[in-house]
Amino acid sequence: MVMFRLSGIFILAPMLGSTTIPRIVKVMLVFSLTFCVYPLLLNPDQPSAAMLGVVIDHGLSLWTLIPHIAMELMVGLVIGYCASLPLIGMQFGGDVIDKQIGIGFADIVNPESGEQSGVIANSFFMMGLAIFAILGGHRIMLDILVGSFNTVPIGGFNNFEGVVALVQGMLSVIFQMAFRIAAPLLCLIFLQTVALGFIARTVPQLNIMSVGFTIRILNGVLFLIAFISVAAYVYIDEMNRLLEVIANFFGV
């Protein structure tokens, strides 16, 4: 049961759930992590010892084993998925920028998720993943997961309505995060469109279509140079806030 709860983060969590990691390596990591965590949970000073003691003394019936496994797996999946939402917000904000500056057709494969995304979207995703690793987000995620054994008993998680509300609230926050990242460029593109409209009315001989695309790409590059630190700050702020929300939800 401990192994199934820990295995959830190796499916959806950042870094640990990457498609570049072979499945056999993930399985060995889950087994190794389980053998490290399980003795810690049996420490008499930990609340998890009493919770595990009930399961060890009374056992689990065959009819309730599958539902218990599903609940344990869901706990890990919820923690891993919620921790990956800021990265999805970064990628979504970068995808909006790709479409606005006209390079949205130049998709490349994201090695982390195995899906195709724009150049800027992929760059933002990798930047967010690097920040996640540098700030120790994977360690915080593991601390939350291990700490959940002290508050959520084995097979005793039943707050399904809370999980739905948690994911819905985080999804709305991620859309706001993507808008915060792309908003400066959207304003810049709007002003550029208005200016080119005035130029097209005053100088009809000028081919605004060809000039406009070039100016839009140049403005997009200058925007990335000037506001890349702002995007990183937005990601760090949302990542810390969402990890704190996850920790409070599981009572860690």
C-alpha atoms as a PDB file:
ATOM      1  CA  MET A   1       0.000   0.000   0.000  1.00  0.00           C
ATOM      2  CA  VAL A   2       2.884   2.350   0.738  1.00  0.00           C
ATOM      3  CA  MET A   3       4.427   1.469  -2.606  1.00  0.00           C
ATOM      4  CA  PHE A   4       1.244   2.321  -4.530  1.00  0.00           C
ATOM      5  CA  ARG A   5       0.926   5.724  -2.873  1.00  0.00           C
ATOM      6  CA  LEU A   6       4.539   6.531  -3.701  1.00  0.00           C
ATOM      7  CA  SER A   7       4.209   5.271  -7.276  1.00  0.00           C
ATOM      8  CA  GLY A   8       1.613   7.937  -8.098  1.00  0.00           C
ATOM      9  CA  ILE A   9       4.211  10.685  -8.369  1.00  0.00           C
ATOM     10  CA  PHE A  10       6.194   8.630 -10.894  1.00  0.00           C
ATOM     11  CA  ILE A  11       3.298   8.934 -13.345  1.00  0.00           C
ATOM     12  CA  LEU A  12       2.382  12.630 -13.418  1.00  0.00           C
ATOM     13  CA  ALA A  13       4.901  14.523 -11.285  1.00  0.00           C
ATOM     14  CA  PRO A  14       7.566  16.792 -12.833  1.00  0.00           C
ATOM     15  CA  MET A  15      10.956  15.140 -13.405  1.00  0.00           C
ATOM     16  CA  LEU A  16       9.961  11.824 -11.815  1.00  0.00           C
ATOM     17  CA  GLY A  17       7.106  11.297 -14.279  1.00  0.00           C
ATOM     18  CA  SER A  18       9.166  12.184 -17.347  1.00  0.00           C
ATOM     19  CA  THR A  19       8.715   9.962 -20.385  1.00  0.00           C
ATOM     20  CA  THR A  20      12.488  10.029 -20.908  1.00  0.00           C
ATOM     21  CA  ILE A  21      12.981   7.840 -17.810  1.00  0.00           C
ATOM     22  CA  PRO A  22      12.629   4.135 -18.742  1.00  0.00           C
ATOM     23  CA  ARG A  23       9.758   2.342 -17.026  1.00  0.00           C
ATOM     24  CA  ILE A  24      12.047  -0.265 -15.497  1.00  0.00           C
ATOM     25  CA  VAL A  25      14.033   2.552 -13.880  1.00  0.00           C
ATOM     26  CA  LYS A  26      10.831   4.059 -12.472  1.00  0.00           C
ATOM     27  CA  VAL A  27       9.821   0.673 -11.041  1.00  0.00           C
ATOM     28  CA  MET A  28      13.196   0.246  -9.364  1.00  0.00           C
ATOM     29  CA  LEU A  29      13.006   3.805  -7.981  1.00  0.00           C
ATOM     30  CA  VAL A  30       9.563   3.089  -6.533  1.00  0.00           C
ATOM     31  CA  PHE A  31      10.784  -0.106  -4.853  1.00  0.00           C
ATOM     32  CA  SER A  32      13.894   1.618  -3.500  1.00  0.00           C
ATOM     33  CA  LEU A  33      11.913   4.572  -2.197  1.00  0.00           C
ATOM     34  CA  THR A  34       9.370   2.262  -0.572  1.00  0.00           C
ATOM     35  CA  PHE A  35      12.089   0.322   1.286  1.00  0.00           C
ATOM     36  CA  CYS A  36      13.469   3.661   2.541  1.00  0.00           C
ATOM     37  CA  VAL A  37      10.148   5.212   3.588  1.00  0.00           C
ATOM     38  CA  TYR A  38       8.366   2.205   5.122  1.00  0.00           C
ATOM     39  CA  PRO A  39      10.709   1.777   8.145  1.00  0.00           C
ATOM     40  CA  LEU A  40      10.372   5.491   8.890  1.00  0.00           C
ATOM     41  CA  LEU A  41       6.583   5.171   9.045  1.00  0.00           C
ATOM     42  CA  LEU A  42       6.873   2.436  11.719  1.00  0.00           C
ATOM     43  CA  ASN A  43       8.681   4.777  14.100  1.00  0.00           C
ATOM     44  CA  PRO A  44       6.583   4.852  17.314  1.00  0.00           C
ATOM     45  CA  ASP A  45       7.017   8.612  17.501  1.00  0.00           C
ATOM     46  CA  GLN A  46       5.206   9.036  14.153  1.00  0.00           C
ATOM     47  CA  PRO A  47       1.371   9.073  13.926  1.00  0.00           C
ATOM     48  CA  SER A  48       1.683   6.831  10.889  1.00  0.00           C
ATOM     49  CA  ALA A  49       2.854   3.960  13.114  1.00  0.00           C
ATOM     50  CA  ALA A  50      -0.577   3.634  14.745  1.00  0.00           C
ATOM     51  CA  MET A  51      -2.338   3.878  11.375  1.00  0.00           C
ATOM     52  CA  LEU A  52      -0.124   1.218   9.819  1.00  0.00           C
ATOM     53  CA  GLY A  53      -0.429  -0.924  12.932  1.00  0.00           C
ATOM     54  CA  VAL A  54      -4.188  -1.246  12.395  1.00  0.00           C
ATOM     55  CA  VAL A  55      -3.655  -2.497   8.850  1.00  0.00           C
ATOM     56  CA  ILE A  56      -0.857  -4.871   9.894  1.00  0.00           C
ATOM     57  CA  ASP A  57      -2.888  -6.362  12.771  1.00  0.00           C
ATOM     58  CA  HIS A  58      -6.210  -6.758  10.966  1.00  0.00           C
ATOM     59  CA  GLY A  59      -4.999  -7.139   7.384  1.00  0.00           C
ATOM     60  CA  LEU A  60      -6.938  -6.353   4.236  1.00  0.00           C
ATOM     61  CA  SER A  61      -9.559  -8.532   2.617  1.00  0.00           C
ATOM     62  CA  LEU A  62      -9.363  -9.432  -1.052  1.00  0.00           C
ATOM     63  CA  TRP A  63     -12.591  -7.557  -1.788  1.00  0.00           C
ATOM     64  CA  THR A  64     -11.304  -4.295  -0.344  1.00  0.00           C
ATOM     65  CA  LEU A  65      -7.737  -4.585  -1.651  1.00  0.00           C
ATOM     66  CA  ILE A  66      -8.427  -3.139  -5.108  1.00  0.00           C
ATOM     67  CA  PRO A  67     -10.367  -0.068  -3.825  1.00  0.00           C
ATOM     68  CA  HIS A  68      -7.618   0.581  -1.272  1.00  0.00           C
ATOM     69  CA  ILE A  69      -4.947   0.359  -3.974  1.00  0.00           C
ATOM     70  CA  ALA A  70      -6.929   2.783  -6.149  1.00  0.00           C
ATOM     71  CA  MET A  71      -7.228   5.278  -3.279  1.00  0.00           C
ATOM     72  CA  GLU A  72      -3.531   5.064  -2.452  1.00  0.00           C
ATOM     73  CA  LEU A  73      -2.601   5.538  -6.089  1.00  0.00           C
ATOM     74  CA  MET A  74      -4.932   8.526  -6.342  1.00  0.00           C
ATOM     75  CA  VAL A  75      -3.187  10.304  -3.470  1.00  0.00           C
ATOM     76  CA  GLY A  76       0.137  10.135  -5.308  1.00  0.00           C
ATOM     77  CA  LEU A  77      -1.490  11.113  -8.597  1.00  0.00           C
ATOM     78  CA  VAL A  78      -3.142  14.183  -7.071  1.00  0.00           C
ATOM     79  CA  ILE A  79       0.125  15.394  -5.536  1.00  0.00           C
ATOM     80  CA  GLY A  80       2.080  14.766  -8.745  1.00  0.00           C
ATOM     81  CA  TYR A  81      -0.525  16.335 -11.025  1.00  0.00           C
ATOM     82  CA  CYS A  82      -0.952  19.447  -8.892  1.00  0.00           C
ATOM     83  CA  ALA A  83       2.836  19.887  -8.715  1.00  0.00           C
ATOM     84  CA  SER A  84       3.031  19.737 -12.533  1.00  0.00           C
ATOM     85  CA  LEU A  85       0.313  22.365 -13.108  1.00  0.00           C
ATOM     86  CA  PRO A  86       2.703  25.374 -12.885  1.00  0.00           C
ATOM     87  CA  LEU A  87       4.789  23.801 -15.657  1.00  0.00           C
ATOM     88  CA  ILE A  88       1.648  23.392 -17.753  1.00  0.00           C
ATOM     89  CA  GLY A  89       0.857  27.061 -17.117  1.00  0.00           C
ATOM     90  CA  MET A  90       4.327  28.061 -18.279  1.00  0.00           C
ATOM     91  CA  GLN A  91       3.932  26.013 -21.439  1.00  0.00           C
ATOM     92  CA  PHE A  92       0.460  27.401 -22.089  1.00  0.00           C
ATOM     93  CA  GLY A  93       1.689  30.976 -21.682  1.00  0.00           C
ATOM     94  CA  GLY A  94       4.586  30.261 -24.047  1.00  0.00           C
ATOM     95  CA  ASP A  95       2.165  28.722 -26.553  1.00  0.00           C
ATOM     96  CA  VAL A  96       0.113  31.937 -26.548  1.00  0.00           C
ATOM     97  CA  ILE A  97       3.295  33.900 -27.253  1.00  0.00           C
ATOM     98  CA  ASP A  98       4.186  31.500 -30.092  1.00  0.00           C
ATOM     99  CA  LYS A  99       0.833  32.054 -31.747  1.00  0.00           C
ATOM    100  CA  GLN A 100       0.905  35.819 -31.331  1.00  0.00           C
ATOM    101  CA  ILE A 101       4.351  36.414 -32.842  1.00  0.00           C
ATOM    102  CA  GLY A 102       3.722  34.024 -35.740  1.00  0.00           C
ATOM    103  CA  ILE A 103       5.988  31.032 -35.019  1.00  0.00           C
ATOM    104  CA  GLY A 104       3.303  28.701 -33.706  1.00  0.00           C
ATOM    105  CA  PHE A 105       3.768  26.326 -36.663  1.00  0.00           C
ATOM    106  CA  ALA A 106       7.386  25.586 -35.700  1.00  0.00           C
ATOM    107  CA  ASP A 107       6.525  22.828 -33.238  1.00  0.00           C
ATOM    108  CA  ILE A 108       9.178  20.631 -31.667  1.00  0.00           C
ATOM    109  CA  VAL A 109       8.888  17.585 -29.433  1.00  0.00           C
ATOM    110  CA  ASN A 110       8.928  18.215 -25.700  1.00  0.00           C
ATOM    111  CA  PRO A 111      11.199  15.473 -24.283  1.00  0.00           C
ATOM    112  CA  GLU A 112       9.561  15.722 -20.844  1.00  0.00           C
ATOM    113  CA  SER A 113       5.983  15.016 -21.958  1.00  0.00           C
ATOM    114  CA  GLY A 114       6.620  13.488 -25.388  1.00  0.00           C
ATOM    115  CA  GLU A 115       4.204  15.942 -27.034  1.00  0.00           C
ATOM    116  CA  GLN A 116       4.784  18.636 -29.631  1.00  0.00           C
ATOM    117  CA  SER A 117       4.831  22.275 -28.578  1.00  0.00           C
ATOM    118  CA  GLY A 118       6.074  25.599 -29.875  1.00  0.00           C
ATOM    119  CA  VAL A 119       9.647  26.772 -29.573  1.00  0.00           C
ATOM    120  CA  ILE A 120       8.930  29.395 -26.903  1.00  0.00           C
ATOM    121  CA  ALA A 121       6.447  27.131 -25.109  1.00  0.00           C
ATOM    122  CA  ASN A 122       9.043  24.362 -24.940  1.00  0.00           C
ATOM    123  CA  SER A 123      11.707  26.833 -23.761  1.00  0.00           C
ATOM    124  CA  PHE A 124       9.417  28.143 -21.005  1.00  0.00           C
ATOM    125  CA  PHE A 125       8.600  24.576 -19.952  1.00  0.00           C
ATOM    126  CA  MET A 126      12.279  23.647 -19.696  1.00  0.00           C
ATOM    127  CA  MET A 127      13.034  26.855 -17.813  1.00  0.00           C
ATOM    128  CA  GLY A 128      10.266  26.056 -15.341  1.00  0.00           C
ATOM    129  CA  LEU A 129      11.536  22.492 -14.960  1.00  0.00           C
ATOM    130  CA  ALA A 130      15.055  23.758 -14.249  1.00  0.00           C
ATOM    131  CA  ILE A 131      13.721  26.212 -11.644  1.00  0.00           C
ATOM    132  CA  PHE A 132      11.662  23.388 -10.104  1.00  0.00           C
ATOM    133  CA  ALA A 133      14.792  21.267  -9.703  1.00  0.00           C
ATOM    134  CA  ILE A 134      17.018  24.123  -8.494  1.00  0.00           C
ATOM    135  CA  LEU A 135      14.541  25.228  -5.814  1.00  0.00           C
ATOM    136  CA  GLY A 136      14.087  21.631  -4.621  1.00  0.00           C
ATOM    137  CA  GLY A 137      10.491  21.224  -5.744  1.00  0.00           C
ATOM    138  CA  HIS A 138      10.952  17.459  -6.082  1.00  0.00           C
ATOM    139  CA  ARG A 139      12.105  17.234  -2.455  1.00  0.00           C
ATOM    140  CA  ILE A 140       9.138  19.303  -1.268  1.00  0.00           C
ATOM    141  CA  MET A 141       6.826  17.054  -3.258  1.00  0.00           C
ATOM    142  CA  LEU A 142       8.313  13.947  -1.651  1.00  0.00           C
ATOM    143  CA  ASP A 143       8.057  15.551   1.812  1.00  0.00           C
ATOM    144  CA  ILE A 144       4.359  16.210   1.221  1.00  0.00           C
ATOM    145  CA  LEU A 145       3.793  12.652   0.022  1.00  0.00           C
ATOM    146  CA  VAL A 146       5.653  11.058   2.932  1.00  0.00           C
ATOM    147  CA  GLY A 147       4.004  13.440   5.404  1.00  0.00           C
ATOM    148  CA  SER A 148       0.572  12.445   4.104  1.00  0.00           C
ATOM    149  CA  PHE A 149       0.983   9.040   5.801  1.00  0.00           C
ATOM    150  CA  ASN A 150       0.707  10.817   9.169  1.00  0.00           C
ATOM    151  CA  THR A 151      -2.597  12.490   8.305  1.00  0.00           C
ATOM    152  CA  VAL A 152      -4.237  10.214   5.722  1.00  0.00           C
ATOM    153  CA  PRO A 153      -4.391   6.574   6.887  1.00  0.00           C
ATOM    154  CA  ILE A 154      -3.692   3.683   4.543  1.00  0.00           C
ATOM    155  CA  GLY A 155      -6.822   3.140   2.463  1.00  0.00           C
ATOM    156  CA  GLY A 156      -8.641   5.826   4.412  1.00  0.00           C
ATOM    157  CA  PHE A 157      -8.713   8.682   1.928  1.00  0.00           C
ATOM    158  CA  ASN A 158     -12.316   9.597   1.122  1.00  0.00           C
ATOM    159  CA  ASN A 159     -12.272  13.333   0.450  1.00  0.00           C
ATOM    160  CA  PHE A 160     -13.118  12.985  -3.238  1.00  0.00           C
ATOM    161  CA  GLU A 161     -15.159  16.197  -3.371  1.00  0.00           C
ATOM    162  CA  GLY A 162     -12.209  18.074  -1.919  1.00  0.00           C
ATOM    163  CA  VAL A 163      -9.927  16.671  -4.633  1.00  0.00           C
ATOM    164  CA  VAL A 164     -12.293  17.850  -7.377  1.00  0.00           C
ATOM    165  CA  ALA A 165     -12.510  21.328  -5.825  1.00  0.00           C
ATOM    166  CA  LEU A 166      -8.727  21.426  -5.386  1.00  0.00           C
ATOM    167  CA  VAL A 167      -8.005  20.540  -9.023  1.00  0.00           C
ATOM    168  CA  GLN A 168     -10.648  22.951 -10.330  1.00  0.00           C
ATOM    169  CA  GLY A 169      -9.252  25.804  -8.255  1.00  0.00           C
ATOM    170  CA  MET A 170      -5.705  25.071  -9.380  1.00  0.00           C
ATOM    171  CA  LEU A 171      -6.723  24.919 -13.040  1.00  0.00           C
ATOM    172  CA  SER A 172      -8.228  28.390 -12.791  1.00  0.00           C
ATOM    173  CA  VAL A 173      -5.033  29.640 -11.144  1.00  0.00           C
ATOM    174  CA  ILE A 174      -2.962  28.131 -13.973  1.00  0.00           C
ATOM    175  CA  PHE A 175      -4.997  29.981 -16.608  1.00  0.00           C
ATOM    176  CA  GLN A 176      -4.404  33.195 -14.680  1.00  0.00           C
ATOM    177  CA  MET A 177      -0.700  32.371 -14.529  1.00  0.00           C
ATOM    178  CA  ALA A 178      -0.535  31.846 -18.309  1.00  0.00           C
ATOM    179  CA  PHE A 179      -2.303  35.180 -18.844  1.00  0.00           C
ATOM    180  CA  ARG A 180       0.140  36.945 -16.509  1.00  0.00           C
ATOM    181  CA  ILE A 181       3.036  35.565 -18.552  1.00  0.00           C
ATOM    182  CA  ALA A 182       1.608  36.465 -21.969  1.00  0.00           C
ATOM    183  CA  ALA A 183      -0.200  39.721 -21.034  1.00  0.00           C
ATOM    184  CA  PRO A 184       2.745  42.108 -21.710  1.00  0.00           C
ATOM    185  CA  LEU A 185       3.203  40.678 -25.194  1.00  0.00           C
ATOM    186  CA  LEU A 186      -0.533  40.805 -25.892  1.00  0.00           C
ATOM    187  CA  CYS A 187      -0.547  44.506 -25.017  1.00  0.00           C
ATOM    188  CA  LEU A 188       2.518  45.062 -27.204  1.00  0.00           C
ATOM    189  CA  ILE A 189       0.946  43.255 -30.163  1.00  0.00           C
ATOM    190  CA  PHE A 190      -2.256  45.259 -29.723  1.00  0.00           C
ATOM    191  CA  LEU A 191      -0.366  48.569 -29.825  1.00  0.00           C
ATOM    192  CA  GLN A 192       1.612  47.366 -32.832  1.00  0.00           C
ATOM    193  CA  THR A 193      -1.585  46.417 -34.680  1.00  0.00           C
ATOM    194  CA  VAL A 194      -3.104  49.834 -33.987  1.00  0.00           C
ATOM    195  CA  ALA A 195       0.081  51.594 -35.167  1.00  0.00           C
ATOM    196  CA  LEU A 196       0.255  49.524 -38.361  1.00  0.00           C
ATOM    197  CA  GLY A 197      -3.389  50.298 -39.002  1.00  0.00           C
ATOM    198  CA  PHE A 198      -2.667  54.029 -38.911  1.00  0.00           C
ATOM    199  CA  ILE A 199       0.361  53.522 -41.186  1.00  0.00           C
ATOM    200  CA  ALA A 200      -1.713  51.519 -43.649  1.00  0.00           C
ATOM    201  CA  ARG A 201      -4.253  54.358 -43.862  1.00  0.00           C
ATOM    202  CA  THR A 202      -1.637  57.062 -44.296  1.00  0.00           C
ATOM    203  CA  VAL A 203       0.790  55.158 -46.573  1.00  0.00           C
ATOM    204  CA  PRO A 204      -1.300  52.813 -48.756  1.00  0.00           C
ATOM    205  CA  GLN A 205       1.699  51.966 -50.953  1.00  0.00           C
ATOM    206  CA  LEU A 206       3.427  50.168 -48.074  1.00  0.00           C
ATOM    207  CA  ASN A 207       2.852  46.402 -47.860  1.00  0.00           C
ATOM    208  CA  ILE A 208       1.776  46.204 -44.242  1.00  0.00           C
ATOM    209  CA  MET A 209       1.326  42.410 -44.306  1.00  0.00           C
ATOM    210  CA  SER A 210       4.969  41.636 -45.056  1.00  0.00           C
ATOM    211  CA  VAL A 211       6.320  44.393 -42.814  1.00  0.00           C
ATOM    212  CA  GLY A 212       3.928  43.579 -39.985  1.00  0.00           C
ATOM    213  CA  PHE A 213       5.014  39.935 -39.646  1.00  0.00           C
ATOM    214  CA  THR A 214       8.668  40.911 -39.455  1.00  0.00           C
ATOM    215  CA  ILE A 215       8.016  43.609 -36.862  1.00  0.00           C
ATOM    216  CA  ARG A 216       5.894  41.219 -34.824  1.00  0.00           C
ATOM    217  CA  ILE A 217       8.667  38.618 -34.662  1.00  0.00           C
ATOM    218  CA  LEU A 218      11.259  41.261 -33.724  1.00  0.00           C
ATOM    219  CA  ASN A 219       8.975  42.612 -31.002  1.00  0.00           C
ATOM    220  CA  GLY A 220       8.475  39.075 -29.727  1.00  0.00           C
ATOM    221  CA  VAL A 221      12.217  38.477 -29.467  1.00  0.00           C
ATOM    222  CA  LEU A 222      12.733  41.796 -27.665  1.00  0.00           C
ATOM    223  CA  PHE A 223       9.849  40.904 -25.363  1.00  0.00           C
ATOM    224  CA  LEU A 224      11.494  37.609 -24.438  1.00  0.00           C
ATOM    225  CA  ILE A 225      14.778  39.341 -23.671  1.00  0.00           C
ATOM    226  CA  ALA A 226      13.114  41.981 -21.500  1.00  0.00           C
ATOM    227  CA  PHE A 227      10.456  39.911 -19.699  1.00  0.00           C
ATOM    228  CA  ILE A 228      12.023  36.459 -19.286  1.00  0.00           C
ATOM    229  CA  SER A 229      12.849  37.260 -15.660  1.00  0.00           C
ATOM    230  CA  VAL A 230       9.245  38.326 -15.070  1.00  0.00           C
ATOM    231  CA  ALA A 231       8.001  34.966 -16.374  1.00  0.00           C
ATOM    232  CA  ALA A 232      10.430  33.172 -14.054  1.00  0.00           C
ATOM    233  CA  TYR A 233       9.226  35.235 -11.084  1.00  0.00           C
ATOM    234  CA  VAL A 234       5.575  34.440 -11.903  1.00  0.00           C
ATOM    235  CA  TYR A 235       6.400  30.732 -12.099  1.00  0.00           C
ATOM    236  CA  ILE A 236       8.275  30.727  -8.781  1.00  0.00           C
ATOM    237  CA  ASP A 237       5.432  32.585  -7.065  1.00  0.00           C
ATOM    238  CA  GLU A 238       2.748  30.205  -8.365  1.00  0.00           C
ATOM    239  CA  MET A 239       4.833  27.090  -7.732  1.00  0.00           C
ATOM    240  CA  ASN A 240       5.433  27.990  -4.082  1.00  0.00           C
ATOM    241  CA  ARG A 241       1.780  28.883  -3.607  1.00  0.00           C
ATOM    242  CA  LEU A 242       0.444  25.684  -5.168  1.00  0.00           C
ATOM    243  CA  LEU A 243       2.853  23.467  -3.232  1.00  0.00           C
ATOM    244  CA  GLU A 244       1.701  25.171  -0.047  1.00  0.00           C
ATOM    245  CA  VAL A 245      -1.935  24.558  -0.991  1.00  0.00           C
ATOM    246  CA  ILE A 246      -1.212  20.867  -1.589  1.00  0.00           C
ATOM    247  CA  ALA A 247       0.579  20.576   1.756  1.00  0.00           C
ATOM    248  CA  ASN A 248      -2.343  22.235   3.587  1.00  0.00           C
ATOM    249  CA  PHE A 249      -4.864  20.021   1.791  1.00  0.00           C
ATOM    250  CA  PHE A 250      -3.173  16.849   3.076  1.00  0.00           C
ATOM    251  CA  GLY A 251      -2.479  18.405   6.479  1.00  0.00           C
ATOM    252  CA  VAL A 252       1.309  18.250   6.157  1.00  0.00           C
END
